[in-house]
Structure formats: C-alpha cells, structure tokens
C-alpha cells in the first residue's frame, strides 16, 4: 500500500483550466488561504461584483461621517460558499481580531475591526474585500487537481494587489510560462 505525503497548497494560486465546467470557477484565479488533509479554503481574486466598499460600510452599520472614507473599490465574489460573509485579504502584519496568516505579509481577516479602520482610511495599504469563499472537503481539491481542472503556482501579492483584475488569471499562468489561450479545452490522455 502506497502512502502519499500531504503537500499543502496554502499561499498558492489555483488557475482554472479552460475546460473548467463549473460556472462558479470557470475563468477564475483563486488564492488558497488554508489547505490541510481535512480540506481547503480559498478566495477568488479576479471576479468583482457590482457592490462597492462604501456600500459594504453602509450595510454593516458604519455611519457616514466626515472621517469616513467611502471607497469606490469593488467588492469581489470570493466563492460560492457563505456569500453573505465578508473576507478582507490584505497586506501587512497588523493584528486584527480575527486574522489568518497566509504568508509573511499576507493575511485574511474576517472581523469588523478591519472594516472600521478601512472606513477611517487607516486600514492596510493593500486589500481586497470579498463576499463568500471557495471550499473543498477532504481530498476534493486533490481529486480536481488529478483531473487537471487546475494549474497551481506560488501566489504573488503583486498579482493580487497591483495587477488589474482582468489580467490576474493570465498573469498567474504566465508566471509558469503558460499561455491559457493556447491550451485546448479538450480532455485527453497519452
């Protein structure tokens, strides 16, 4: 009996292959925020919604004031799970009430205190706010990887925070030397 050693994909991108049939993930770039033998969790970083950060501030009860920074920044669709729940993917090492360190200088925060700081223009230098997340049960992501649904590469804060959302998927693929436009959407085995 062969036993495989578990390899975490935390702080990696999942690049949706052109043949991805699941509309929740077709054309997406997902940052893996947590990955263990019990499952994985990620945030899609290239699918903006019509909502703005200013609207989110209003929805969570952060009142307009002269001090409030009403950002026009887009809110992203982070994935199909718990779409009513907010996540702030951000740079820096500041400590918020509920943060998960993804890598040195990259965190995912779910507590309201970061939104309050952002409303006062005192939040992290770089951030991406998402509603919902992507989740996989035990072995599910590994199965999708073996079925060639995803390419993976090390995550890049530059791609997340500095690359326009329309270019993020291609930029991640190009970091591997892959041009997604040249990949077939047909399945084949040699």
C-alpha atoms as a PDB file:
ATOM      1  CA  UNK A   1       0.000   0.000   0.000  1.00  0.00           C
ATOM      2  CA  UNK A   2       1.443   3.352  -1.026  1.00  0.00           C
ATOM      3  CA  UNK A   3       1.126   6.348   1.222  1.00  0.00           C
ATOM      4  CA  UNK A   4       1.389   9.810  -0.239  1.00  0.00           C
ATOM      5  CA  UNK A   5       2.834  12.668   1.716  1.00  0.00           C
ATOM      6  CA  UNK A   6       0.392  15.552   2.010  1.00  0.00           C
ATOM      7  CA  UNK A   7       1.556  18.748   0.294  1.00  0.00           C
ATOM      8  CA  UNK A   8      -0.259  21.912   1.308  1.00  0.00           C
ATOM      9  CA  UNK A   9      -1.122  24.452  -1.383  1.00  0.00           C
ATOM     10  CA  UNK A  10      -1.567  27.268   1.119  1.00  0.00           C
ATOM     11  CA  UNK A  11      -0.332  30.544  -0.447  1.00  0.00           C
ATOM     12  CA  UNK A  12      -0.695  29.138  -3.967  1.00  0.00           C
ATOM     13  CA  UNK A  13      -2.951  30.150  -6.815  1.00  0.00           C
ATOM     14  CA  UNK A  14      -5.407  27.791  -8.428  1.00  0.00           C
ATOM     15  CA  UNK A  15      -5.609  28.699 -12.109  1.00  0.00           C
ATOM     16  CA  UNK A  16      -8.837  27.428 -13.677  1.00  0.00           C
ATOM     17  CA  UNK A  17      -8.127  25.404 -16.791  1.00  0.00           C
ATOM     18  CA  UNK A  18     -10.012  26.459 -19.944  1.00  0.00           C
ATOM     19  CA  UNK A  19     -12.196  23.350 -19.800  1.00  0.00           C
ATOM     20  CA  UNK A  20     -13.496  24.149 -16.274  1.00  0.00           C
ATOM     21  CA  UNK A  21     -17.191  23.251 -16.468  1.00  0.00           C
ATOM     22  CA  UNK A  22     -18.225  24.542 -13.033  1.00  0.00           C
ATOM     23  CA  UNK A  23     -19.510  28.085 -13.663  1.00  0.00           C
ATOM     24  CA  UNK A  24     -18.597  29.027 -10.088  1.00  0.00           C
ATOM     25  CA  UNK A  25     -14.929  28.609 -11.029  1.00  0.00           C
ATOM     26  CA  UNK A  26     -14.680  28.962 -14.823  1.00  0.00           C
ATOM     27  CA  UNK A  27     -12.145  31.667 -15.668  1.00  0.00           C
ATOM     28  CA  UNK A  28     -11.110  32.201 -12.046  1.00  0.00           C
ATOM     29  CA  UNK A  29      -7.892  32.707 -10.145  1.00  0.00           C
ATOM     30  CA  UNK A  30      -8.226  31.508  -6.557  1.00  0.00           C
ATOM     31  CA  UNK A  31      -5.815  32.118  -3.687  1.00  0.00           C
ATOM     32  CA  UNK A  32      -5.594  29.073  -1.405  1.00  0.00           C
ATOM     33  CA  UNK A  33      -5.752  30.510   2.125  1.00  0.00           C
ATOM     34  CA  UNK A  34      -5.793  27.229   4.045  1.00  0.00           C
ATOM     35  CA  UNK A  35      -5.140  23.646   2.997  1.00  0.00           C
ATOM     36  CA  UNK A  36      -4.855  20.558   5.175  1.00  0.00           C
ATOM     37  CA  UNK A  37      -5.773  16.880   4.877  1.00  0.00           C
ATOM     38  CA  UNK A  38      -9.290  17.814   6.056  1.00  0.00           C
ATOM     39  CA  UNK A  39      -9.934  20.254   3.186  1.00  0.00           C
ATOM     40  CA  UNK A  40      -9.105  23.618   1.651  1.00  0.00           C
ATOM     41  CA  UNK A  41     -10.396  27.176   1.647  1.00  0.00           C
ATOM     42  CA  UNK A  42      -9.686  29.932  -0.852  1.00  0.00           C
ATOM     43  CA  UNK A  43     -10.731  33.339  -2.153  1.00  0.00           C
ATOM     44  CA  UNK A  44     -11.359  34.073  -5.843  1.00  0.00           C
ATOM     45  CA  UNK A  45      -9.346  37.217  -6.641  1.00  0.00           C
ATOM     46  CA  UNK A  46     -10.485  38.097 -10.163  1.00  0.00           C
ATOM     47  CA  UNK A  47     -14.279  38.299 -10.047  1.00  0.00           C
ATOM     48  CA  UNK A  48     -15.532  41.751  -8.996  1.00  0.00           C
ATOM     49  CA  UNK A  49     -19.203  42.346  -8.199  1.00  0.00           C
ATOM     50  CA  UNK A  50     -21.326  45.455  -8.671  1.00  0.00           C
ATOM     51  CA  UNK A  51     -21.005  46.304  -4.942  1.00  0.00           C
ATOM     52  CA  UNK A  52     -18.556  48.905  -3.656  1.00  0.00           C
ATOM     53  CA  UNK A  53     -16.719  49.123  -0.373  1.00  0.00           C
ATOM     54  CA  UNK A  54     -18.750  52.213   0.534  1.00  0.00           C
ATOM     55  CA  UNK A  55     -21.939  50.129   0.190  1.00  0.00           C
ATOM     56  CA  UNK A  56     -20.478  47.417   2.424  1.00  0.00           C
ATOM     57  CA  UNK A  57     -19.620  50.027   5.076  1.00  0.00           C
ATOM     58  CA  UNK A  58     -23.245  51.156   4.997  1.00  0.00           C
ATOM     59  CA  UNK A  59     -24.585  47.570   5.168  1.00  0.00           C
ATOM     60  CA  UNK A  60     -22.527  46.748   8.269  1.00  0.00           C
ATOM     61  CA  UNK A  61     -23.614  49.930  10.030  1.00  0.00           C
ATOM     62  CA  UNK A  62     -20.524  52.085   9.593  1.00  0.00           C
ATOM     63  CA  UNK A  63     -22.085  55.527   9.506  1.00  0.00           C
ATOM     64  CA  UNK A  64     -21.182  58.254   7.055  1.00  0.00           C
ATOM     65  CA  UNK A  65     -19.151  60.976   8.656  1.00  0.00           C
ATOM     66  CA  UNK A  66     -16.536  63.482   7.617  1.00  0.00           C
ATOM     67  CA  UNK A  67     -13.911  60.959   8.758  1.00  0.00           C
ATOM     68  CA  UNK A  68     -15.373  58.033   6.819  1.00  0.00           C
ATOM     69  CA  UNK A  69     -13.519  57.039   3.686  1.00  0.00           C
ATOM     70  CA  UNK A  70     -16.212  55.871   1.251  1.00  0.00           C
ATOM     71  CA  UNK A  71     -14.140  53.863  -1.161  1.00  0.00           C
ATOM     72  CA  UNK A  72     -15.389  53.145  -4.668  1.00  0.00           C
ATOM     73  CA  UNK A  73     -13.279  49.960  -4.683  1.00  0.00           C
ATOM     74  CA  UNK A  74     -15.159  46.920  -5.961  1.00  0.00           C
ATOM     75  CA  UNK A  75     -16.145  44.024  -3.750  1.00  0.00           C
ATOM     76  CA  UNK A  76     -15.189  40.624  -5.152  1.00  0.00           C
ATOM     77  CA  UNK A  77     -17.131  37.388  -5.301  1.00  0.00           C
ATOM     78  CA  UNK A  78     -14.798  35.249  -3.202  1.00  0.00           C
ATOM     79  CA  UNK A  79     -16.568  31.989  -3.963  1.00  0.00           C
ATOM     80  CA  UNK A  80     -19.894  30.183  -3.830  1.00  0.00           C
ATOM     81  CA  UNK A  81     -19.845  29.301  -0.095  1.00  0.00           C
ATOM     82  CA  UNK A  82     -21.299  31.647   2.586  1.00  0.00           C
ATOM     83  CA  UNK A  83     -21.802  34.519   0.132  1.00  0.00           C
ATOM     84  CA  UNK A  84     -23.198  36.711   2.911  1.00  0.00           C
ATOM     85  CA  UNK A  85     -19.906  36.537   4.819  1.00  0.00           C
ATOM     86  CA  UNK A  86     -17.145  39.097   4.238  1.00  0.00           C
ATOM     87  CA  UNK A  87     -13.404  38.499   3.973  1.00  0.00           C
ATOM     88  CA  UNK A  88     -10.583  41.032   3.720  1.00  0.00           C
ATOM     89  CA  UNK A  89      -7.457  39.774   2.009  1.00  0.00           C
ATOM     90  CA  UNK A  90      -4.704  42.248   2.864  1.00  0.00           C
ATOM     91  CA  UNK A  91      -1.033  43.043   3.103  1.00  0.00           C
ATOM     92  CA  UNK A  92       0.828  43.903   6.279  1.00  0.00           C
ATOM     93  CA  UNK A  93       1.383  42.318   9.642  1.00  0.00           C
ATOM     94  CA  UNK A  94      -1.129  44.335  11.692  1.00  0.00           C
ATOM     95  CA  UNK A  95      -3.117  42.239  14.121  1.00  0.00           C
ATOM     96  CA  UNK A  96      -6.897  42.293  13.801  1.00  0.00           C
ATOM     97  CA  UNK A  97      -9.393  40.432  15.958  1.00  0.00           C
ATOM     98  CA  UNK A  98      -9.716  37.518  13.554  1.00  0.00           C
ATOM     99  CA  UNK A  99      -6.886  37.033  11.063  1.00  0.00           C
ATOM    100  CA  UNK A 100      -5.318  34.065   9.349  1.00  0.00           C
ATOM    101  CA  UNK A 101      -1.735  34.460   8.187  1.00  0.00           C
ATOM    102  CA  UNK A 102      -1.424  33.076   4.665  1.00  0.00           C
ATOM    103  CA  UNK A 103       2.232  34.014   4.265  1.00  0.00           C
ATOM    104  CA  UNK A 104       4.638  36.630   5.579  1.00  0.00           C
ATOM    105  CA  UNK A 105       2.854  39.944   4.980  1.00  0.00           C
ATOM    106  CA  UNK A 106      -0.395  38.438   3.605  1.00  0.00           C
ATOM    107  CA  UNK A 107      -3.426  37.832   5.794  1.00  0.00           C
ATOM    108  CA  UNK A 108      -7.136  37.065   5.582  1.00  0.00           C
ATOM    109  CA  UNK A 109      -9.283  38.870   8.159  1.00  0.00           C
ATOM    110  CA  UNK A 110     -12.964  38.323   8.922  1.00  0.00           C
ATOM    111  CA  UNK A 111     -13.526  40.702  11.835  1.00  0.00           C
ATOM    112  CA  UNK A 112     -15.348  44.049  11.686  1.00  0.00           C
ATOM    113  CA  UNK A 113     -12.420  45.972  13.220  1.00  0.00           C
ATOM    114  CA  UNK A 114     -10.524  45.972   9.917  1.00  0.00           C
ATOM    115  CA  UNK A 115     -13.554  47.457   8.114  1.00  0.00           C
ATOM    116  CA  UNK A 116     -13.774  50.207  10.732  1.00  0.00           C
ATOM    117  CA  UNK A 117     -10.093  51.017  10.195  1.00  0.00           C
ATOM    118  CA  UNK A 118     -10.569  50.990   6.421  1.00  0.00           C
ATOM    119  CA  UNK A 119     -13.556  53.355   6.733  1.00  0.00           C
ATOM    120  CA  UNK A 120     -11.262  55.813   8.555  1.00  0.00           C
ATOM    121  CA  UNK A 121      -8.615  55.309   5.843  1.00  0.00           C
ATOM    122  CA  UNK A 122      -6.403  53.656   8.479  1.00  0.00           C
ATOM    123  CA  UNK A 123      -6.530  50.112   7.117  1.00  0.00           C
ATOM    124  CA  UNK A 124      -3.861  48.063   5.370  1.00  0.00           C
ATOM    125  CA  UNK A 125      -2.002  49.521   2.392  1.00  0.00           C
ATOM    126  CA  UNK A 126      -3.320  46.816   0.059  1.00  0.00           C
ATOM    127  CA  UNK A 127      -6.620  44.997   0.412  1.00  0.00           C
ATOM    128  CA  UNK A 128      -9.229  43.049  -1.497  1.00  0.00           C
ATOM    129  CA  UNK A 129     -12.680  42.637   0.064  1.00  0.00           C
ATOM    130  CA  UNK A 130     -14.690  39.565  -0.936  1.00  0.00           C
ATOM    131  CA  UNK A 131     -18.076  38.092  -0.134  1.00  0.00           C
ATOM    132  CA  UNK A 132     -18.080  34.314   0.115  1.00  0.00           C
ATOM    133  CA  UNK A 133     -15.278  31.809  -0.270  1.00  0.00           C
ATOM    134  CA  UNK A 134     -14.351  28.638  -2.112  1.00  0.00           C
ATOM    135  CA  UNK A 135     -14.262  25.456  -0.070  1.00  0.00           C
ATOM    136  CA  UNK A 136     -13.243  21.868  -0.667  1.00  0.00           C
ATOM    137  CA  UNK A 137     -13.776  18.834   1.566  1.00  0.00           C
ATOM    138  CA  UNK A 138     -11.161  16.232   2.395  1.00  0.00           C
ATOM    139  CA  UNK A 139      -9.495  15.020  -0.805  1.00  0.00           C
ATOM    140  CA  UNK A 140     -11.806  17.048  -3.078  1.00  0.00           C
ATOM    141  CA  UNK A 141      -9.199  19.575  -4.244  1.00  0.00           C
ATOM    142  CA  UNK A 142      -6.611  16.826  -4.723  1.00  0.00           C
ATOM    143  CA  UNK A 143      -9.107  14.944  -6.930  1.00  0.00           C
ATOM    144  CA  UNK A 144      -9.765  18.077  -9.011  1.00  0.00           C
ATOM    145  CA  UNK A 145      -6.013  18.580  -9.406  1.00  0.00           C
ATOM    146  CA  UNK A 146      -5.537  14.983 -10.570  1.00  0.00           C
ATOM    147  CA  UNK A 147      -8.390  15.552 -13.066  1.00  0.00           C
ATOM    148  CA  UNK A 148      -6.427  18.548 -14.450  1.00  0.00           C
ATOM    149  CA  UNK A 149      -9.111  21.089 -13.526  1.00  0.00           C
ATOM    150  CA  UNK A 150      -6.473  23.465 -12.130  1.00  0.00           C
ATOM    151  CA  UNK A 151      -2.905  24.592 -12.638  1.00  0.00           C
ATOM    152  CA  UNK A 152      -1.110  25.738  -9.492  1.00  0.00           C
ATOM    153  CA  UNK A 153       1.664  28.212  -8.818  1.00  0.00           C
ATOM    154  CA  UNK A 154       3.052  30.146  -5.877  1.00  0.00           C
ATOM    155  CA  UNK A 155       0.831  33.139  -5.045  1.00  0.00           C
ATOM    156  CA  UNK A 156       2.011  36.668  -5.745  1.00  0.00           C
ATOM    157  CA  UNK A 157       0.885  39.758  -3.862  1.00  0.00           C
ATOM    158  CA  UNK A 158       1.782  41.777  -6.944  1.00  0.00           C
ATOM    159  CA  UNK A 159      -0.793  39.847  -8.988  1.00  0.00           C
ATOM    160  CA  UNK A 160      -3.449  40.181  -6.261  1.00  0.00           C
ATOM    161  CA  UNK A 161      -2.996  43.863  -5.437  1.00  0.00           C
ATOM    162  CA  UNK A 162      -1.244  45.515  -8.396  1.00  0.00           C
ATOM    163  CA  UNK A 163      -2.490  43.698 -11.491  1.00  0.00           C
ATOM    164  CA  UNK A 164      -5.887  44.719 -12.924  1.00  0.00           C
ATOM    165  CA  UNK A 165      -8.450  42.010 -12.168  1.00  0.00           C
ATOM    166  CA  UNK A 166      -8.938  41.230 -15.884  1.00  0.00           C
ATOM    167  CA  UNK A 167      -5.254  40.269 -16.193  1.00  0.00           C
ATOM    168  CA  UNK A 168      -4.741  38.314 -12.959  1.00  0.00           C
ATOM    169  CA  UNK A 169      -5.570  34.863 -14.349  1.00  0.00           C
ATOM    170  CA  UNK A 170      -3.268  35.287 -17.345  1.00  0.00           C
ATOM    171  CA  UNK A 171      -0.511  36.819 -15.183  1.00  0.00           C
ATOM    172  CA  UNK A 172      -0.549  33.801 -12.854  1.00  0.00           C
ATOM    173  CA  UNK A 173      -0.454  31.382 -15.795  1.00  0.00           C
ATOM    174  CA  UNK A 174       2.361  33.376 -17.415  1.00  0.00           C
ATOM    175  CA  UNK A 175       4.387  33.023 -14.193  1.00  0.00           C
ATOM    176  CA  UNK A 176       4.503  29.322 -15.139  1.00  0.00           C
ATOM    177  CA  UNK A 177       5.281  30.077 -18.774  1.00  0.00           C
ATOM    178  CA  UNK A 178       1.753  29.068 -19.824  1.00  0.00           C
ATOM    179  CA  UNK A 179      -0.496  30.912 -22.272  1.00  0.00           C
ATOM    180  CA  UNK A 180      -4.054  29.814 -21.408  1.00  0.00           C
ATOM    181  CA  UNK A 181      -5.268  30.815 -24.879  1.00  0.00           C
ATOM    182  CA  UNK A 182      -3.084  28.071 -26.358  1.00  0.00           C
ATOM    183  CA  UNK A 183      -4.447  25.300 -24.122  1.00  0.00           C
ATOM    184  CA  UNK A 184      -7.121  23.046 -25.519  1.00  0.00           C
ATOM    185  CA  UNK A 185     -10.421  22.709 -23.721  1.00  0.00           C
ATOM    186  CA  UNK A 186     -10.476  19.028 -24.730  1.00  0.00           C
ATOM    187  CA  UNK A 187      -9.553  16.241 -22.344  1.00  0.00           C
ATOM    188  CA  UNK A 188      -7.014  13.730 -23.494  1.00  0.00           C
ATOM    189  CA  UNK A 189      -4.632  11.163 -22.092  1.00  0.00           C
ATOM    190  CA  UNK A 190      -1.491   9.943 -23.791  1.00  0.00           C
END
